[in-house]
C-alpha atoms as a PDB file:
ATOM      1  CA  LEU A   1     102.406  89.308 106.431  1.00  0.00           C
ATOM      2  CA  LEU A   2     100.032  92.158 106.416  1.00  0.00           C
ATOM      3  CA  VAL A   3     102.781  94.471 106.899  1.00  0.00           C
ATOM      4  CA  PHE A   4     104.268  92.851 103.477  1.00  0.00           C
ATOM      5  CA  SER A   5     100.822  93.186 101.305  1.00  0.00           C
ATOM      6  CA  THR A   6      99.986  96.662 102.993  1.00  0.00           C
ATOM      7  CA  ILE A   7     103.688  98.005 102.005  1.00  0.00           C
ATOM      8  CA  SER A   8     104.138  96.569  98.641  1.00  0.00           C
ATOM      9  CA  PRO A   9     102.179  98.753  96.447  1.00  0.00           C
ATOM     10  CA  ILE A  10     103.759 101.735  97.965  1.00  0.00           C
ATOM     11  CA  MET A  11     107.224  99.975  98.071  1.00  0.00           C
ATOM     12  CA  PHE A  12     106.688  99.279  93.974  1.00  0.00           C
ATOM     13  CA  ILE A  13     106.107 102.903  93.501  1.00  0.00           C
ATOM     14  CA  LEU A  14     109.469 104.433  95.478  1.00  0.00           C
ATOM     15  CA  LEU A  15     110.936 101.797  93.014  1.00  0.00           C
ATOM     16  CA  PHE A  16     109.983 102.293  89.871  1.00  0.00           C
ATOM     17  CA  ALA A  17     108.980 106.298  89.845  1.00  0.00           C
ATOM     18  CA  TYR A  18     112.637 106.937  91.688  1.00  0.00           C
ATOM     19  CA  VAL A  19     114.935 103.626  91.423  1.00  0.00           C
ATOM     20  CA  PHE A  20     114.285 102.928  87.899  1.00  0.00           C
ATOM     21  CA  GLY A  21     112.393 106.059  86.772  1.00  0.00           C
ATOM     22  CA  SER A  22     115.233 108.040  85.031  1.00  0.00           C
ATOM     23  CA  ALA A  23     116.062 104.378  83.845  1.00  0.00           C
ATOM     24  CA  ILE A  24     113.152 103.752  81.243  1.00  0.00           C
ATOM     25  CA  ASN A  25     111.959 105.097  79.106  1.00  0.00           C
ATOM     26  CA  THR A  26     108.576 105.443  76.554  1.00  0.00           C
ATOM     27  CA  PHE A  27     109.874 106.198  72.950  1.00  0.00           C
ATOM     28  CA  THR A  28     107.624 108.857  72.618  1.00  0.00           C
ATOM     29  CA  PRO A  29     108.655 112.423  74.541  1.00  0.00           C
ATOM     30  CA  GLY A  30     107.215 114.631  75.987  1.00  0.00           C
ATOM     31  CA  VAL A  31     105.837 112.018  78.201  1.00  0.00           C
ATOM     32  CA  SER A  32     107.076 110.780  81.651  1.00  0.00           C
ATOM     33  CA  TYR A  33     107.375 107.370  82.598  1.00  0.00           C
ATOM     34  CA  ARG A  34     105.811 108.306  85.533  1.00  0.00           C
ATOM     35  CA  GLU A  35     102.212 109.228  84.397  1.00  0.00           C
ATOM     36  CA  PHE A  36     101.436 105.139  83.423  1.00  0.00           C
ATOM     37  CA  LEU A  37     102.961 103.894  87.225  1.00  0.00           C
ATOM     38  CA  ILE A  38      99.652 104.003  89.467  1.00  0.00           C
ATOM     39  CA  PRO A  39      97.962 102.163  86.488  1.00  0.00           C
ATOM     40  CA  GLY A  40     100.904 100.155  86.195  1.00  0.00           C
ATOM     41  CA  ILE A  41     100.534  98.865  89.950  1.00  0.00           C
ATOM     42  CA  PHE A  42      96.489  98.496  89.522  1.00  0.00           C
ATOM     43  CA  ALA A  43      96.459  96.761  86.811  1.00  0.00           C
ATOM     44  CA  GLN A  44      99.641  94.552  88.604  1.00  0.00           C
ATOM     45  CA  THR A  45      96.803  94.235  91.534  1.00  0.00           C
ATOM     46  CA  VAL A  46      93.902  93.097  89.266  1.00  0.00           C
ATOM     47  CA  VAL A  47      96.378  90.251  87.356  1.00  0.00           C
ATOM     48  CA  PHE A  48      97.430  88.951  91.011  1.00  0.00           C
ATOM     49  CA  GLY A  49      93.938  89.330  91.615  1.00  0.00           C
ATOM     50  CA  ALA A  50      92.799  87.417  89.182  1.00  0.00           C
ATOM     51  CA  THR A  51      95.525  84.492  90.271  1.00  0.00           C
ATOM     52  CA  PHE A  52      92.930  83.881  93.332  1.00  0.00           C
ATOM     53  CA  THR A  53      90.246  82.738  90.556  1.00  0.00           C
ATOM     54  CA  GLY A  54      92.969  80.084  88.878  1.00  0.00           C
ATOM     55  CA  ALA A  55      94.194  79.276  92.637  1.00  0.00           C
ATOM     56  CA  GLY A  56      90.603  78.450  93.933  1.00  0.00           C
ATOM     57  CA  MET A  57      89.721  76.033  90.484  1.00  0.00           C
ATOM     58  CA  ALA A  58      92.919  73.982  91.792  1.00  0.00           C
ATOM     59  CA  ASP A  59      90.927  73.952  94.839  1.00  0.00           C
ATOM     60  CA  ASP A  60      87.913  73.263  93.795  1.00  0.00           C
ATOM     61  CA  ILE A  61      89.032  70.212  91.876  1.00  0.00           C
ATOM     62  CA  GLN A  62      91.140  69.327  94.127  1.00  0.00           C
ATOM     63  CA  LYS A  63      88.302  69.000  96.991  1.00  0.00           C
ATOM     64  CA  GLY A  64      86.109  66.865  94.255  1.00  0.00           C
ATOM     65  CA  ILE A  65      84.047  69.830  94.058  1.00  0.00           C
ATOM     66  CA  ILE A  66      83.833  69.962  89.770  1.00  0.00           C
ATOM     67  CA  ASP A  67      83.069  67.478  90.067  1.00  0.00           C
ATOM     68  CA  ARG A  68      80.014  66.578  92.202  1.00  0.00           C
ATOM     69  CA  PHE A  69      78.963  70.017  89.526  1.00  0.00           C
ATOM     70  CA  ARG A  70      79.616  67.145  86.585  1.00  0.00           C
ATOM     71  CA  SER A  71      76.643  65.083  87.835  1.00  0.00           C
ATOM     72  CA  LEU A  72      74.364  68.029  88.092  1.00  0.00           C
ATOM     73  CA  PRO A  73      72.577  69.859  85.262  1.00  0.00           C
ATOM     74  CA  MET A  74      74.483  72.759  84.058  1.00  0.00           C
ATOM     75  CA  SER A  75      76.993  73.590  81.271  1.00  0.00           C
ATOM     76  CA  ARG A  76      80.665  72.407  82.152  1.00  0.00           C
ATOM     77  CA  SER A  77      81.521  76.349  81.205  1.00  0.00           C
ATOM     78  CA  ALA A  78      78.975  77.629  84.263  1.00  0.00           C
ATOM     79  CA  VAL A  79      81.760  77.284  87.274  1.00  0.00           C
ATOM     80  CA  LEU A  80      84.306  78.588  85.381  1.00  0.00           C
ATOM     81  CA  VAL A  81      82.053  81.901  84.296  1.00  0.00           C
ATOM     82  CA  GLY A  82      80.862  82.037  88.085  1.00  0.00           C
ATOM     83  CA  ARG A  83      83.715  81.815  89.851  1.00  0.00           C
ATOM     84  CA  THR A  84      85.291  84.364  87.307  1.00  0.00           C
ATOM     85  CA  THR A  85      82.214  86.689  87.765  1.00  0.00           C
ATOM     86  CA  ALA A  86      82.496  86.512  91.283  1.00  0.00           C
ATOM     87  CA  ASP A  87      86.505  86.848  91.827  1.00  0.00           C
ATOM     88  CA  VAL A  88      85.602  89.530  89.255  1.00  0.00           C
ATOM     89  CA  GLY A  89      83.683  91.702  90.704  1.00  0.00           C
ATOM     90  CA  TYR A  90      84.987  91.593  94.708  1.00  0.00           C
ATOM     91  CA  ASN A  91      88.395  92.866  92.860  1.00  0.00           C
ATOM     92  CA  VAL A  92      86.645  95.682  91.646  1.00  0.00           C
ATOM     93  CA  ILE A  93      85.561  96.667  94.764  1.00  0.00           C
ATOM     94  CA  THR A  94      87.640  96.721  96.106  1.00  0.00           C
ATOM     95  CA  LEU A  95      89.907  98.521  93.456  1.00  0.00           C
ATOM     96  CA  ILE A  96      87.258 101.092  94.656  1.00  0.00           C
ATOM     97  CA  VAL A  97      87.126 100.218  98.117  1.00  0.00           C
ATOM     98  CA  MET A  98      91.195 101.578  98.119  1.00  0.00           C
ATOM     99  CA  ALA A  99      90.829 103.998  95.875  1.00  0.00           C
ATOM    100  CA  VAL A 100      88.937 105.981  96.989  1.00  0.00           C
ATOM    101  CA  THR A 101      89.657 105.353 100.699  1.00  0.00           C
ATOM    102  CA  GLY A 102      93.185 106.537  99.502  1.00  0.00           C
ATOM    103  CA  ALA A 103      91.943 109.609  97.786  1.00  0.00           C
ATOM    104  CA  VAL A 104      90.480 110.668 100.395  1.00  0.00           C
ATOM    105  CA  LEU A 105      93.303 109.968 102.691  1.00  0.00           C
ATOM    106  CA  VAL A 106      95.982 111.640 100.499  1.00  0.00           C
ATOM    107  CA  LEU A 107      93.284 114.514 100.157  1.00  0.00           C
ATOM    108  CA  PHE A 108      92.850 114.821 103.830  1.00  0.00           C
ATOM    109  CA  VAL A 109      97.216 114.966 104.457  1.00  0.00           C
ATOM    110  CA  ILE A 110      97.744 118.268 101.270  1.00  0.00           C
ATOM    111  CA  GLY A 111      94.304 120.460 102.239  1.00  0.00           C
ATOM    112  CA  HIS A 112      95.857 119.719 105.884  1.00  0.00           C
ATOM    113  CA  MET A 113      99.884 120.491 104.675  1.00  0.00           C
ATOM    114  CA  LEU A 114      98.799 123.184 103.050  1.00  0.00           C
ATOM    115  CA  GLY A 115      96.307 124.949 105.727  1.00  0.00           C
ATOM    116  CA  ASN A 116      99.683 124.101 108.407  1.00  0.00           C
ATOM    117  CA  LEU A 117     101.960 125.752 106.010  1.00  0.00           C
ATOM    118  CA  LYS A 118     100.134 128.683 107.162  1.00  0.00           C
ATOM    119  CA  MET A 119     101.906 128.979 110.160  1.00  0.00           C
ATOM    120  CA  PHE A 120     104.199 130.681 108.474  1.00  0.00           C
ATOM    121  CA  SER A 121     102.613 133.438 107.429  1.00  0.00           C
ATOM    122  CA  GLY A 122     101.894 134.712 111.001  1.00  0.00           C
ATOM    123  CA  PRO A 123     100.012 133.772 114.390  1.00  0.00           C
ATOM    124  CA  ASN A 124      96.943 135.709 113.012  1.00  0.00           C
ATOM    125  CA  ASP A 125      96.401 133.566 109.529  1.00  0.00           C
ATOM    126  CA  ILE A 126      96.905 130.576 111.514  1.00  0.00           C
ATOM    127  CA  ASN A 127      94.493 131.625 113.627  1.00  0.00           C
ATOM    128  CA  ALA A 128      91.990 132.760 110.933  1.00  0.00           C
ATOM    129  CA  TYR A 129      92.556 129.337 109.519  1.00  0.00           C
ATOM    130  CA  SER A 130      91.799 127.643 112.427  1.00  0.00           C
ATOM    131  CA  LYS A 131      88.093 130.109 112.799  1.00  0.00           C
ATOM    132  CA  PHE A 132      87.456 128.639 109.864  1.00  0.00           C
ATOM    133  CA  LEU A 133      87.640 125.138 109.856  1.00  0.00           C
ATOM    134  CA  ARG A 134      85.848 125.348 113.508  1.00  0.00           C
ATOM    135  CA  GLU A 135      83.078 127.658 111.383  1.00  0.00           C
ATOM    136  CA  VAL A 136      82.499 126.159 107.939  1.00  0.00           C
ATOM    137  CA  GLY A 137      79.294 124.783 107.834  1.00  0.00           C
ATOM    138  CA  GLN A 138      77.276 127.280 109.996  1.00  0.00           C
ATOM    139  CA  PRO A 139      74.500 128.017 110.239  1.00  0.00           C
ATOM    140  CA  GLU A 140      73.641 124.784 109.001  1.00  0.00           C
ATOM    141  CA  LEU A 141      76.100 123.271 111.396  1.00  0.00           C
ATOM    142  CA  ALA A 142      77.115 124.205 114.751  1.00  0.00           C
ATOM    143  CA  TYR A 143      80.230 125.442 115.649  1.00  0.00           C
ATOM    144  CA  GLY A 144      82.906 122.260 114.968  1.00  0.00           C
ATOM    145  CA  HIS A 145      80.640 120.015 114.830  1.00  0.00           C
ATOM    146  CA  LEU A 146      81.704 119.914 110.355  1.00  0.00           C
ATOM    147  CA  LEU A 147      84.984 118.826 111.640  1.00  0.00           C
ATOM    148  CA  TRP A 148      82.752 116.354 113.605  1.00  0.00           C
ATOM    149  CA  ILE A 149      82.172 114.521 110.359  1.00  0.00           C
ATOM    150  CA  ILE A 150      85.306 115.417 108.483  1.00  0.00           C
ATOM    151  CA  ARG A 151      87.566 113.000 111.805  1.00  0.00           C
ATOM    152  CA  ILE A 152      84.050 110.118 111.286  1.00  0.00           C
ATOM    153  CA  VAL A 153      84.969 109.838 107.714  1.00  0.00           C
ATOM    154  CA  LEU A 154      88.373 110.054 107.489  1.00  0.00           C
ATOM    155  CA  LEU A 155      87.899 107.007 110.928  1.00  0.00           C
ATOM    156  CA  ALA A 156      85.364 105.329 108.150  1.00  0.00           C
ATOM    157  CA  CYS A 157      88.032 105.861 105.279  1.00  0.00           C
ATOM    158  CA  VAL A 158      90.929 104.397 106.767  1.00  0.00           C
ATOM    159  CA  ILE A 159      89.323 101.422 109.137  1.00  0.00           C
ATOM    160  CA  LEU A 160      87.856 101.227 104.986  1.00  0.00           C
ATOM    161  CA  HIS A 161      90.982 100.636 104.383  1.00  0.00           C
ATOM    162  CA  ILE A 162      93.460  98.420 106.435  1.00  0.00           C
ATOM    163  CA  SER A 163      90.190  95.802 106.953  1.00  0.00           C
ATOM    164  CA  GLU A 164      90.567  95.089 102.935  1.00  0.00           C
ATOM    165  CA  ALA A 165      93.819  95.048 102.870  1.00  0.00           C
ATOM    166  CA  TYR A 166      93.725  92.804 105.608  1.00  0.00           C
ATOM    167  CA  GLN A 167      91.059  90.505 103.200  1.00  0.00           C
ATOM    168  CA  LEU A 168      93.271  90.631 100.347  1.00  0.00           C
ATOM    169  CA  THR A 169      95.866  89.384 102.655  1.00  0.00           C
ATOM    170  CA  LEU A 170      94.543  86.194 103.574  1.00  0.00           C
ATOM    171  CA  ILE A 171      92.796  85.985  99.849  1.00  0.00           C
ATOM    172  CA  ARG A 172      96.457  85.991  99.083  1.00  0.00           C
ATOM    173  CA  ASN A 173      97.699  83.651 102.017  1.00  0.00           C
ATOM    174  CA  ALA A 174      94.639  81.162 100.877  1.00  0.00           C
ATOM    175  CA  ALA A 175      95.651  81.044  97.153  1.00  0.00           C
ATOM    176  CA  ARG A 176      99.466  79.691  98.383  1.00  0.00           C
ATOM    177  CA  PRO A 177      99.082  78.372 101.741  1.00  0.00           C
ATOM    178  CA  ALA A 178     102.913  76.619 100.805  1.00  0.00           C
ATOM    179  CA  GLY A 179     105.627  79.109 100.449  1.00  0.00           C
ATOM    180  CA  TYR A 180     108.137  78.669  97.820  1.00  0.00           C
ATOM    181  CA  ALA A 181     111.054  76.421  97.807  1.00  0.00           C
ATOM    182  CA  GLU A 182     114.289  78.194  98.091  1.00  0.00           C
END
């Protein structure tokens, strides 16, 4: 399940960009459908996350927690507002973490790819590029230290990205523990 929840946004992007992309019309000249694709995937993530609020409320009602809250001197809407606020906060933090770590990883891949294209320019260019990577940041940083800082940041981004995807999977599975009938 972790693999499917991690790959599902990529599958939606590929599906709507390449399979259905030419079949969808925006009815606005000069505006491509693909400009709305990533914001749409983020909106889909938020909507799917909002279903956890409803599932959590249903679970609270089934377990009798709401009945216990009714005996307390508090507003009837406090449970719904509190749960919704907590879920929205969690979704915002998750989206920020996923977006930032994903952007860092994509920018690293693009930068690394552009740097490695220098090998087609000849050995002097690729050697100059590799020397630049080790000397950047001097004299504040010692030779090659910035590369280690970048490696640590990238490793942290990968770990954060995977852990957030795993937590989203756990929440999704908790919201609907039983599968759909076939």
